[in-house]
């Protein structure tokens, strides 16, 4: 039996409640397959589309009714953790019931400590929310409604700071529940970014990369496996070219060499590789796996996915 931290990508969730409920059915089946094989699972997930949607909706509402306040990003992040966790709890709970597996599922609203002086706060890069045309993005930016950048040829999106995770505040609670055999959903959307002050924790605007927070979570839990689930079956070199080739296994040293050569796109595979390296450098006996959701079970046995070891 292994303790596995699963990091769910956006393809496992949805941009609307209806779409997400439908997608979570397949997501839950894949997760429960891993649980049924005898593993303890802790789940992390992204929230880029969802937190952007919540922030935009609240901003529009505030603009039409002076009684409705603007909602800061930390609070929007907390809302997204509850909203996504609720759907995952329903989907996983139903799948467990169908298989007669007696386990509890719980979402922990999770704060993650970051450095207030992190350079990310002066260089926002994390895309959130919906896509816009260049004209729409330029108009919104001119109205000082955020910073917008082109996102992988798909249009323009609002970008906010993505600071590095330093410490998971609720780690003891997550560990206790996991050790008791419960399925825990934590660091949703990378966790709510907070900074330490003399009067306690204070939320700051930003979205932490969910793969990096998942790596931090896996390290603090002493997990055996960090599994990052994404849209592709394996990590590829020369991606999307005629010479594209998939990697089944690689060492941390090889991953660093590929990174130095610019093999991994900054907004796509690079943060996943960086997260795997971070986990393995602090847990040299662990294993990191990057795979698609549909092949997650096979990836654990080496039949699919890319396995990274120290």
C-alpha atoms as a PDB file:
ATOM      1  CA  UNK A   1       0.000   0.000   0.000  1.00  0.00           C
ATOM      2  CA  UNK A   2       1.245   3.480  -0.911  1.00  0.00           C
ATOM      3  CA  UNK A   3       0.291   6.990   0.174  1.00  0.00           C
ATOM      4  CA  UNK A   4      -0.330   8.892  -3.035  1.00  0.00           C
ATOM      5  CA  UNK A   5      -0.887  12.607  -3.575  1.00  0.00           C
ATOM      6  CA  UNK A   6      -2.939  13.100  -6.754  1.00  0.00           C
ATOM      7  CA  UNK A   7      -2.793  16.498  -8.437  1.00  0.00           C
ATOM      8  CA  UNK A   8      -5.792  16.937 -10.733  1.00  0.00           C
ATOM      9  CA  UNK A   9      -5.454  19.140 -13.800  1.00  0.00           C
ATOM     10  CA  UNK A  10      -8.147  21.292 -15.361  1.00  0.00           C
ATOM     11  CA  UNK A  11      -9.190  18.486 -17.724  1.00  0.00           C
ATOM     12  CA  UNK A  12     -10.518  16.601 -14.681  1.00  0.00           C
ATOM     13  CA  UNK A  13     -12.789  19.541 -13.731  1.00  0.00           C
ATOM     14  CA  UNK A  14     -15.078  21.939 -15.575  1.00  0.00           C
ATOM     15  CA  UNK A  15     -15.594  25.636 -16.208  1.00  0.00           C
ATOM     16  CA  UNK A  16     -19.301  25.520 -15.268  1.00  0.00           C
ATOM     17  CA  UNK A  17     -21.096  23.657 -12.454  1.00  0.00           C
ATOM     18  CA  UNK A  18     -22.970  21.470 -14.944  1.00  0.00           C
ATOM     19  CA  UNK A  19     -19.860  20.570 -16.937  1.00  0.00           C
ATOM     20  CA  UNK A  20     -17.861  19.934 -13.784  1.00  0.00           C
ATOM     21  CA  UNK A  21     -20.445  17.571 -12.299  1.00  0.00           C
ATOM     22  CA  UNK A  22     -20.315  15.542 -15.500  1.00  0.00           C
ATOM     23  CA  UNK A  23     -16.514  15.451 -15.688  1.00  0.00           C
ATOM     24  CA  UNK A  24     -16.166  14.566 -12.002  1.00  0.00           C
ATOM     25  CA  UNK A  25     -17.932  11.247 -12.655  1.00  0.00           C
ATOM     26  CA  UNK A  26     -15.014   9.962 -14.773  1.00  0.00           C
ATOM     27  CA  UNK A  27     -12.514  11.629 -12.457  1.00  0.00           C
ATOM     28  CA  UNK A  28     -14.011   9.855  -9.453  1.00  0.00           C
ATOM     29  CA  UNK A  29     -13.911   6.472 -11.183  1.00  0.00           C
ATOM     30  CA  UNK A  30     -10.186   6.856 -11.856  1.00  0.00           C
ATOM     31  CA  UNK A  31      -9.497   7.988  -8.280  1.00  0.00           C
ATOM     32  CA  UNK A  32     -11.477   5.147  -6.716  1.00  0.00           C
ATOM     33  CA  UNK A  33      -9.689   2.640  -8.983  1.00  0.00           C
ATOM     34  CA  UNK A  34      -6.467   3.694  -7.241  1.00  0.00           C
ATOM     35  CA  UNK A  35      -8.088   3.533  -3.805  1.00  0.00           C
ATOM     36  CA  UNK A  36      -9.585   0.110  -4.530  1.00  0.00           C
ATOM     37  CA  UNK A  37      -6.086  -1.145  -5.353  1.00  0.00           C
ATOM     38  CA  UNK A  38      -5.227  -0.541  -1.675  1.00  0.00           C
ATOM     39  CA  UNK A  39      -3.693   2.937  -1.728  1.00  0.00           C
ATOM     40  CA  UNK A  40      -4.280   5.916   0.573  1.00  0.00           C
ATOM     41  CA  UNK A  41      -5.049   8.988  -1.511  1.00  0.00           C
ATOM     42  CA  UNK A  42      -4.862  12.718  -0.854  1.00  0.00           C
ATOM     43  CA  UNK A  43      -6.182  14.911  -3.664  1.00  0.00           C
ATOM     44  CA  UNK A  44      -4.993  18.333  -4.790  1.00  0.00           C
ATOM     45  CA  UNK A  45      -6.525  20.256  -7.689  1.00  0.00           C
ATOM     46  CA  UNK A  46      -6.262  23.410  -9.743  1.00  0.00           C
ATOM     47  CA  UNK A  47      -8.821  26.237  -9.848  1.00  0.00           C
ATOM     48  CA  UNK A  48      -7.691  28.633 -12.604  1.00  0.00           C
ATOM     49  CA  UNK A  49     -10.985  28.775 -14.533  1.00  0.00           C
ATOM     50  CA  UNK A  50     -13.134  28.547 -11.415  1.00  0.00           C
ATOM     51  CA  UNK A  51     -11.444  31.234  -9.307  1.00  0.00           C
ATOM     52  CA  UNK A  52     -11.429  33.580 -12.305  1.00  0.00           C
ATOM     53  CA  UNK A  53     -15.125  32.921 -12.876  1.00  0.00           C
ATOM     54  CA  UNK A  54     -15.959  33.620  -9.227  1.00  0.00           C
ATOM     55  CA  UNK A  55     -13.872  36.803  -9.152  1.00  0.00           C
ATOM     56  CA  UNK A  56     -15.411  38.069 -12.397  1.00  0.00           C
ATOM     57  CA  UNK A  57     -18.960  37.339 -11.227  1.00  0.00           C
ATOM     58  CA  UNK A  58     -18.384  39.135  -7.939  1.00  0.00           C
ATOM     59  CA  UNK A  59     -16.768  42.089  -9.711  1.00  0.00           C
ATOM     60  CA  UNK A  60     -19.729  42.426 -12.094  1.00  0.00           C
ATOM     61  CA  UNK A  61     -22.165  42.176  -9.187  1.00  0.00           C
ATOM     62  CA  UNK A  62     -20.245  44.826  -7.233  1.00  0.00           C
ATOM     63  CA  UNK A  63     -20.329  47.095 -10.267  1.00  0.00           C
ATOM     64  CA  UNK A  64     -24.121  46.895 -10.524  1.00  0.00           C
ATOM     65  CA  UNK A  65     -25.006  47.152  -6.829  1.00  0.00           C
ATOM     66  CA  UNK A  66     -23.073  49.297  -4.374  1.00  0.00           C
ATOM     67  CA  UNK A  67     -24.270  47.062  -1.508  1.00  0.00           C
ATOM     68  CA  UNK A  68     -22.286  44.122  -2.917  1.00  0.00           C
ATOM     69  CA  UNK A  69     -18.569  44.335  -2.010  1.00  0.00           C
ATOM     70  CA  UNK A  70     -15.644  43.484  -4.281  1.00  0.00           C
ATOM     71  CA  UNK A  71     -14.404  40.018  -3.372  1.00  0.00           C
ATOM     72  CA  UNK A  72     -10.594  39.713  -2.932  1.00  0.00           C
ATOM     73  CA  UNK A  73      -8.755  36.816  -4.558  1.00  0.00           C
ATOM     74  CA  UNK A  74      -8.002  34.947  -1.294  1.00  0.00           C
ATOM     75  CA  UNK A  75     -11.736  34.806  -0.554  1.00  0.00           C
ATOM     76  CA  UNK A  76     -12.469  33.762  -4.149  1.00  0.00           C
ATOM     77  CA  UNK A  77      -9.885  31.008  -3.756  1.00  0.00           C
ATOM     78  CA  UNK A  78     -11.592  29.812  -0.583  1.00  0.00           C
ATOM     79  CA  UNK A  79     -14.937  29.760  -2.409  1.00  0.00           C
ATOM     80  CA  UNK A  80     -13.440  27.702  -5.224  1.00  0.00           C
ATOM     81  CA  UNK A  81     -12.021  25.170  -2.757  1.00  0.00           C
ATOM     82  CA  UNK A  82     -15.492  24.615  -1.311  1.00  0.00           C
ATOM     83  CA  UNK A  83     -17.217  24.513  -4.696  1.00  0.00           C
ATOM     84  CA  UNK A  84     -14.792  22.063  -6.300  1.00  0.00           C
ATOM     85  CA  UNK A  85     -14.394  20.000  -3.134  1.00  0.00           C
ATOM     86  CA  UNK A  86     -18.172  19.641  -2.857  1.00  0.00           C
ATOM     87  CA  UNK A  87     -18.379  18.194  -6.365  1.00  0.00           C
ATOM     88  CA  UNK A  88     -15.438  15.851  -5.790  1.00  0.00           C
ATOM     89  CA  UNK A  89     -16.903  14.665  -2.494  1.00  0.00           C
ATOM     90  CA  UNK A  90     -20.185  13.860  -4.237  1.00  0.00           C
ATOM     91  CA  UNK A  91     -18.545  12.046  -7.144  1.00  0.00           C
ATOM     92  CA  UNK A  92     -16.037  10.058  -5.086  1.00  0.00           C
ATOM     93  CA  UNK A  93     -18.623   9.298  -2.403  1.00  0.00           C
ATOM     94  CA  UNK A  94     -21.034   7.860  -4.965  1.00  0.00           C
ATOM     95  CA  UNK A  95     -18.308   5.776  -6.598  1.00  0.00           C
ATOM     96  CA  UNK A  96     -17.234   4.406  -3.201  1.00  0.00           C
ATOM     97  CA  UNK A  97     -20.827   3.498  -2.409  1.00  0.00           C
ATOM     98  CA  UNK A  98     -21.240   1.647  -5.719  1.00  0.00           C
ATOM     99  CA  UNK A  99     -18.205  -0.474  -4.891  1.00  0.00           C
ATOM    100  CA  UNK A 100     -19.155  -0.929  -1.241  1.00  0.00           C
ATOM    101  CA  UNK A 101     -15.945   0.733  -0.014  1.00  0.00           C
ATOM    102  CA  UNK A 102     -16.342   2.229   3.447  1.00  0.00           C
ATOM    103  CA  UNK A 103     -14.327   5.462   3.469  1.00  0.00           C
ATOM    104  CA  UNK A 104     -15.025   9.078   4.323  1.00  0.00           C
ATOM    105  CA  UNK A 105     -14.240  11.960   1.945  1.00  0.00           C
ATOM    106  CA  UNK A 106     -13.509  15.449   3.301  1.00  0.00           C
ATOM    107  CA  UNK A 107     -12.381  18.779   1.876  1.00  0.00           C
ATOM    108  CA  UNK A 108     -10.052  20.917   3.991  1.00  0.00           C
ATOM    109  CA  UNK A 109     -10.054  24.650   3.287  1.00  0.00           C
ATOM    110  CA  UNK A 110      -6.294  24.983   3.077  1.00  0.00           C
ATOM    111  CA  UNK A 111      -4.017  27.977   3.543  1.00  0.00           C
ATOM    112  CA  UNK A 112      -0.464  27.967   2.194  1.00  0.00           C
ATOM    113  CA  UNK A 113       2.184  30.333   3.510  1.00  0.00           C
ATOM    114  CA  UNK A 114       4.096  32.342   0.891  1.00  0.00           C
ATOM    115  CA  UNK A 115       6.788  35.021   1.080  1.00  0.00           C
ATOM    116  CA  UNK A 116       5.352  38.531   0.882  1.00  0.00           C
ATOM    117  CA  UNK A 117       8.536  39.552  -0.954  1.00  0.00           C
ATOM    118  CA  UNK A 118       8.218  36.800  -3.572  1.00  0.00           C
ATOM    119  CA  UNK A 119       9.109  38.373  -6.963  1.00  0.00           C
ATOM    120  CA  UNK A 120       5.934  36.824  -8.416  1.00  0.00           C
ATOM    121  CA  UNK A 121       3.949  39.688  -6.904  1.00  0.00           C
ATOM    122  CA  UNK A 122       5.655  42.156  -9.244  1.00  0.00           C
ATOM    123  CA  UNK A 123       5.469  39.858 -12.288  1.00  0.00           C
ATOM    124  CA  UNK A 124       2.033  38.195 -12.544  1.00  0.00           C
ATOM    125  CA  UNK A 125       2.081  35.094 -14.759  1.00  0.00           C
ATOM    126  CA  UNK A 126      -0.701  32.746 -13.588  1.00  0.00           C
ATOM    127  CA  UNK A 127      -3.655  32.690 -16.046  1.00  0.00           C
ATOM    128  CA  UNK A 128      -7.105  32.625 -14.465  1.00  0.00           C
ATOM    129  CA  UNK A 129     -10.645  32.852 -15.742  1.00  0.00           C
ATOM    130  CA  UNK A 130     -12.023  32.883 -19.260  1.00  0.00           C
ATOM    131  CA  UNK A 131     -10.311  33.624 -22.579  1.00  0.00           C
ATOM    132  CA  UNK A 132     -10.642  37.016 -24.275  1.00  0.00           C
ATOM    133  CA  UNK A 133      -9.830  38.374 -27.711  1.00  0.00           C
ATOM    134  CA  UNK A 134      -6.930  40.817 -27.919  1.00  0.00           C
ATOM    135  CA  UNK A 135      -9.384  43.689 -28.324  1.00  0.00           C
ATOM    136  CA  UNK A 136     -11.349  42.666 -25.231  1.00  0.00           C
ATOM    137  CA  UNK A 137      -8.185  42.194 -23.186  1.00  0.00           C
ATOM    138  CA  UNK A 138      -6.783  45.575 -24.256  1.00  0.00           C
ATOM    139  CA  UNK A 139     -10.044  47.297 -23.296  1.00  0.00           C
ATOM    140  CA  UNK A 140     -10.170  45.653 -19.864  1.00  0.00           C
ATOM    141  CA  UNK A 141      -6.513  46.443 -19.204  1.00  0.00           C
ATOM    142  CA  UNK A 142      -7.096  50.078 -20.221  1.00  0.00           C
ATOM    143  CA  UNK A 143      -9.880  50.194 -17.617  1.00  0.00           C
ATOM    144  CA  UNK A 144      -7.349  48.866 -15.066  1.00  0.00           C
ATOM    145  CA  UNK A 145      -9.335  45.669 -14.604  1.00  0.00           C
ATOM    146  CA  UNK A 146      -6.261  43.484 -14.438  1.00  0.00           C
ATOM    147  CA  UNK A 147      -3.221  42.408 -16.433  1.00  0.00           C
ATOM    148  CA  UNK A 148      -3.833  40.215 -19.495  1.00  0.00           C
ATOM    149  CA  UNK A 149      -1.434  38.023 -21.452  1.00  0.00           C
ATOM    150  CA  UNK A 150      -1.695  35.713 -24.446  1.00  0.00           C
ATOM    151  CA  UNK A 151      -2.084  32.069 -23.387  1.00  0.00           C
ATOM    152  CA  UNK A 152      -0.605  29.375 -25.673  1.00  0.00           C
ATOM    153  CA  UNK A 153      -2.298  30.657 -28.829  1.00  0.00           C
ATOM    154  CA  UNK A 154      -5.780  30.216 -27.362  1.00  0.00           C
ATOM    155  CA  UNK A 155      -6.526  33.857 -26.596  1.00  0.00           C
ATOM    156  CA  UNK A 156      -5.843  36.295 -23.758  1.00  0.00           C
ATOM    157  CA  UNK A 157      -6.443  35.646 -20.050  1.00  0.00           C
ATOM    158  CA  UNK A 158      -6.134  37.650 -16.865  1.00  0.00           C
ATOM    159  CA  UNK A 159      -2.871  36.867 -15.049  1.00  0.00           C
ATOM    160  CA  UNK A 160      -2.134  37.233 -11.345  1.00  0.00           C
ATOM    161  CA  UNK A 161       0.809  36.485  -9.075  1.00  0.00           C
ATOM    162  CA  UNK A 162       1.849  32.864  -8.551  1.00  0.00           C
ATOM    163  CA  UNK A 163       4.123  32.831  -5.483  1.00  0.00           C
ATOM    164  CA  UNK A 164       6.093  29.772  -4.311  1.00  0.00           C
ATOM    165  CA  UNK A 165       4.483  27.659  -1.563  1.00  0.00           C
ATOM    166  CA  UNK A 166       6.472  27.554   1.688  1.00  0.00           C
ATOM    167  CA  UNK A 167       4.317  25.778   4.265  1.00  0.00           C
ATOM    168  CA  UNK A 168       0.854  24.206   4.459  1.00  0.00           C
ATOM    169  CA  UNK A 169      -0.974  25.596   7.475  1.00  0.00           C
ATOM    170  CA  UNK A 170      -3.500  22.767   7.940  1.00  0.00           C
ATOM    171  CA  UNK A 171      -1.004  19.938   7.328  1.00  0.00           C
ATOM    172  CA  UNK A 172      -1.566  18.307  10.758  1.00  0.00           C
ATOM    173  CA  UNK A 173      -5.305  18.003  10.098  1.00  0.00           C
ATOM    174  CA  UNK A 174      -4.730  16.601   6.612  1.00  0.00           C
ATOM    175  CA  UNK A 175      -2.207  14.104   7.970  1.00  0.00           C
ATOM    176  CA  UNK A 176      -4.476  12.934  10.775  1.00  0.00           C
ATOM    177  CA  UNK A 177      -7.413  12.325   8.458  1.00  0.00           C
ATOM    178  CA  UNK A 178      -5.232  10.579   5.888  1.00  0.00           C
ATOM    179  CA  UNK A 179      -3.568   8.394   8.503  1.00  0.00           C
ATOM    180  CA  UNK A 180      -7.063   7.392   9.679  1.00  0.00           C
ATOM    181  CA  UNK A 181      -7.787   6.134   6.160  1.00  0.00           C
ATOM    182  CA  UNK A 182      -9.981   9.014   5.012  1.00  0.00           C
ATOM    183  CA  UNK A 183      -9.776  10.483   1.512  1.00  0.00           C
ATOM    184  CA  UNK A 184      -8.726  14.122   1.842  1.00  0.00           C
ATOM    185  CA  UNK A 185      -9.059  16.954  -0.663  1.00  0.00           C
ATOM    186  CA  UNK A 186      -6.561  19.683   0.222  1.00  0.00           C
ATOM    187  CA  UNK A 187      -4.547  22.649  -1.147  1.00  0.00           C
ATOM    188  CA  UNK A 188      -7.350  23.252  -3.655  1.00  0.00           C
ATOM    189  CA  UNK A 189      -6.212  25.653  -6.342  1.00  0.00           C
ATOM    190  CA  UNK A 190      -2.732  25.465  -4.847  1.00  0.00           C
ATOM    191  CA  UNK A 191      -4.064  26.650  -1.487  1.00  0.00           C
ATOM    192  CA  UNK A 192      -5.109  30.102  -0.332  1.00  0.00           C
ATOM    193  CA  UNK A 193      -1.910  32.213  -0.311  1.00  0.00           C
ATOM    194  CA  UNK A 194      -1.276  33.804   3.070  1.00  0.00           C
ATOM    195  CA  UNK A 195       1.625  35.634   4.674  1.00  0.00           C
ATOM    196  CA  UNK A 196       2.657  35.534   8.320  1.00  0.00           C
ATOM    197  CA  UNK A 197       2.281  38.775  10.281  1.00  0.00           C
ATOM    198  CA  UNK A 198       2.594  39.744  13.937  1.00  0.00           C
ATOM    199  CA  UNK A 199      -1.202  39.583  14.254  1.00  0.00           C
ATOM    200  CA  UNK A 200      -1.612  36.255  12.438  1.00  0.00           C
ATOM    201  CA  UNK A 201      -2.071  35.063   8.871  1.00  0.00           C
ATOM    202  CA  UNK A 202      -3.213  37.469   6.145  1.00  0.00           C
ATOM    203  CA  UNK A 203      -4.474  36.496   2.699  1.00  0.00           C
ATOM    204  CA  UNK A 204      -2.733  37.980  -0.342  1.00  0.00           C
ATOM    205  CA  UNK A 205      -3.922  38.158  -3.977  1.00  0.00           C
ATOM    206  CA  UNK A 206      -2.515  35.313  -6.013  1.00  0.00           C
ATOM    207  CA  UNK A 207      -2.975  31.733  -7.180  1.00  0.00           C
ATOM    208  CA  UNK A 208      -0.263  29.235  -6.229  1.00  0.00           C
ATOM    209  CA  UNK A 209       0.627  26.645  -8.844  1.00  0.00           C
ATOM    210  CA  UNK A 210      -1.298  23.534  -7.833  1.00  0.00           C
ATOM    211  CA  UNK A 211       1.482  21.131  -8.873  1.00  0.00           C
ATOM    212  CA  UNK A 212       4.017  22.922  -6.687  1.00  0.00           C
ATOM    213  CA  UNK A 213       1.619  22.891  -3.744  1.00  0.00           C
ATOM    214  CA  UNK A 214       0.919  19.206  -4.393  1.00  0.00           C
ATOM    215  CA  UNK A 215       4.669  18.574  -4.235  1.00  0.00           C
ATOM    216  CA  UNK A 216       4.870  20.485  -0.955  1.00  0.00           C
ATOM    217  CA  UNK A 217       1.890  18.505   0.346  1.00  0.00           C
ATOM    218  CA  UNK A 218       3.438  15.185  -0.702  1.00  0.00           C
ATOM    219  CA  UNK A 219       6.702  16.120   0.994  1.00  0.00           C
ATOM    220  CA  UNK A 220       5.096  17.243   4.252  1.00  0.00           C
ATOM    221  CA  UNK A 221       2.958  14.077   4.349  1.00  0.00           C
ATOM    222  CA  UNK A 222       5.914  11.810   3.572  1.00  0.00           C
ATOM    223  CA  UNK A 223       3.994  10.406   0.576  1.00  0.00           C
ATOM    224  CA  UNK A 224       5.401   7.546  -1.461  1.00  0.00           C
ATOM    225  CA  UNK A 225       4.126   8.886  -4.779  1.00  0.00           C
ATOM    226  CA  UNK A 226       3.348  12.278  -6.275  1.00  0.00           C
ATOM    227  CA  UNK A 227       1.075  11.737  -9.274  1.00  0.00           C
ATOM    228  CA  UNK A 228       0.325  14.698 -11.525  1.00  0.00           C
ATOM    229  CA  UNK A 229      -2.624  14.055 -13.831  1.00  0.00           C
ATOM    230  CA  UNK A 230      -2.864  16.100 -16.990  1.00  0.00           C
ATOM    231  CA  UNK A 231      -4.146  15.943 -20.573  1.00  0.00           C
ATOM    232  CA  UNK A 232      -1.306  13.830 -22.044  1.00  0.00           C
ATOM    233  CA  UNK A 233      -0.346  10.215 -21.392  1.00  0.00           C
ATOM    234  CA  UNK A 234       3.393  10.855 -21.148  1.00  0.00           C
ATOM    235  CA  UNK A 235       5.942  13.652 -21.044  1.00  0.00           C
ATOM    236  CA  UNK A 236       7.297  14.292 -24.536  1.00  0.00           C
ATOM    237  CA  UNK A 237      10.450  15.787 -25.986  1.00  0.00           C
ATOM    238  CA  UNK A 238      10.192  18.005 -29.089  1.00  0.00           C
ATOM    239  CA  UNK A 239       6.509  18.252 -28.240  1.00  0.00           C
ATOM    240  CA  UNK A 240       4.107  18.887 -31.114  1.00  0.00           C
ATOM    241  CA  UNK A 241       6.807  18.479 -33.780  1.00  0.00           C
ATOM    242  CA  UNK A 242       7.577  15.722 -36.282  1.00  0.00           C
ATOM    243  CA  UNK A 243      10.354  14.436 -34.009  1.00  0.00           C
ATOM    244  CA  UNK A 244       8.131  14.224 -30.911  1.00  0.00           C
ATOM    245  CA  UNK A 245       8.986  11.276 -28.675  1.00  0.00           C
ATOM    246  CA  UNK A 246       7.577  10.156 -25.356  1.00  0.00           C
ATOM    247  CA  UNK A 247       9.565   9.405 -22.202  1.00  0.00           C
ATOM    248  CA  UNK A 248       8.665   6.404 -20.055  1.00  0.00           C
ATOM    249  CA  UNK A 249      11.268   6.944 -17.322  1.00  0.00           C
ATOM    250  CA  UNK A 250      13.819   9.568 -16.366  1.00  0.00           C
ATOM    251  CA  UNK A 251      16.008  10.590 -13.465  1.00  0.00           C
ATOM    252  CA  UNK A 252      15.975  14.003 -11.833  1.00  0.00           C
ATOM    253  CA  UNK A 253      19.358  14.737 -13.421  1.00  0.00           C
ATOM    254  CA  UNK A 254      17.942  14.002 -16.884  1.00  0.00           C
ATOM    255  CA  UNK A 255      14.870  16.126 -16.225  1.00  0.00           C
ATOM    256  CA  UNK A 256      17.136  19.054 -15.325  1.00  0.00           C
ATOM    257  CA  UNK A 257      19.096  18.591 -18.548  1.00  0.00           C
ATOM    258  CA  UNK A 258      15.885  18.666 -20.593  1.00  0.00           C
ATOM    259  CA  UNK A 259      14.756  21.771 -18.712  1.00  0.00           C
ATOM    260  CA  UNK A 260      18.035  23.513 -19.487  1.00  0.00           C
ATOM    261  CA  UNK A 261      17.468  22.776 -23.181  1.00  0.00           C
ATOM    262  CA  UNK A 262      14.021  24.380 -23.046  1.00  0.00           C
ATOM    263  CA  UNK A 263      12.128  21.158 -23.722  1.00  0.00           C
ATOM    264  CA  UNK A 264       9.196  21.973 -21.452  1.00  0.00           C
ATOM    265  CA  UNK A 265       6.785  24.880 -22.000  1.00  0.00           C
ATOM    266  CA  UNK A 266       6.642  27.370 -19.082  1.00  0.00           C
ATOM    267  CA  UNK A 267       2.847  27.487 -18.957  1.00  0.00           C
ATOM    268  CA  UNK A 268       2.342  23.781 -19.455  1.00  0.00           C
ATOM    269  CA  UNK A 269       4.765  20.944 -18.641  1.00  0.00           C
ATOM    270  CA  UNK A 270       7.571  22.933 -16.986  1.00  0.00           C
ATOM    271  CA  UNK A 271       5.847  23.560 -13.611  1.00  0.00           C
ATOM    272  CA  UNK A 272       4.894  19.870 -13.455  1.00  0.00           C
ATOM    273  CA  UNK A 273       8.505  18.784 -13.973  1.00  0.00           C
ATOM    274  CA  UNK A 274       9.692  21.373 -11.444  1.00  0.00           C
ATOM    275  CA  UNK A 275       7.165  20.058  -8.914  1.00  0.00           C
ATOM    276  CA  UNK A 276       8.333  16.472  -9.418  1.00  0.00           C
ATOM    277  CA  UNK A 277      11.969  17.488  -8.970  1.00  0.00           C
ATOM    278  CA  UNK A 278      11.145  19.444  -5.808  1.00  0.00           C
ATOM    279  CA  UNK A 279       9.347  16.439  -4.310  1.00  0.00           C
ATOM    280  CA  UNK A 280      12.085  13.956  -5.204  1.00  0.00           C
ATOM    281  CA  UNK A 281      14.965  16.117  -3.998  1.00  0.00           C
ATOM    282  CA  UNK A 282      13.341  16.112  -0.562  1.00  0.00           C
ATOM    283  CA  UNK A 283      12.222  12.484  -0.739  1.00  0.00           C
ATOM    284  CA  UNK A 284      14.852  10.540  -2.639  1.00  0.00           C
ATOM    285  CA  UNK A 285      13.064   7.209  -2.112  1.00  0.00           C
ATOM    286  CA  UNK A 286       9.806   8.503  -3.558  1.00  0.00           C
ATOM    287  CA  UNK A 287       8.432   8.351  -7.061  1.00  0.00           C
ATOM    288  CA  UNK A 288       6.805  11.005  -9.230  1.00  0.00           C
ATOM    289  CA  UNK A 289       4.437  10.134 -12.064  1.00  0.00           C
ATOM    290  CA  UNK A 290       2.975  12.324 -14.803  1.00  0.00           C
ATOM    291  CA  UNK A 291       0.067  10.750 -16.647  1.00  0.00           C
ATOM    292  CA  UNK A 292      -3.374  11.301 -18.108  1.00  0.00           C
ATOM    293  CA  UNK A 293      -6.392  10.804 -15.878  1.00  0.00           C
ATOM    294  CA  UNK A 294      -7.732   7.888 -17.913  1.00  0.00           C
ATOM    295  CA  UNK A 295      -4.430   5.997 -17.614  1.00  0.00           C
ATOM    296  CA  UNK A 296      -3.708   6.839 -13.977  1.00  0.00           C
ATOM    297  CA  UNK A 297      -4.085   3.256 -12.776  1.00  0.00           C
ATOM    298  CA  UNK A 298      -1.779   1.883 -15.458  1.00  0.00           C
ATOM    299  CA  UNK A 299       0.734   4.637 -14.751  1.00  0.00           C
ATOM    300  CA  UNK A 300       1.172   3.347 -11.202  1.00  0.00           C
ATOM    301  CA  UNK A 301       2.272  -0.022 -12.592  1.00  0.00           C
ATOM    302  CA  UNK A 302       4.514   1.484 -15.276  1.00  0.00           C
ATOM    303  CA  UNK A 303       2.229   0.606 -18.191  1.00  0.00           C
ATOM    304  CA  UNK A 304       1.606   4.254 -19.009  1.00  0.00           C
ATOM    305  CA  UNK A 305       2.720   7.694 -17.913  1.00  0.00           C
ATOM    306  CA  UNK A 306       6.202   9.041 -17.251  1.00  0.00           C
ATOM    307  CA  UNK A 307       7.940   7.902 -14.064  1.00  0.00           C
ATOM    308  CA  UNK A 308      10.565  10.199 -12.542  1.00  0.00           C
ATOM    309  CA  UNK A 309      12.915   8.980  -9.810  1.00  0.00           C
ATOM    310  CA  UNK A 310      15.846  10.539  -8.057  1.00  0.00           C
END
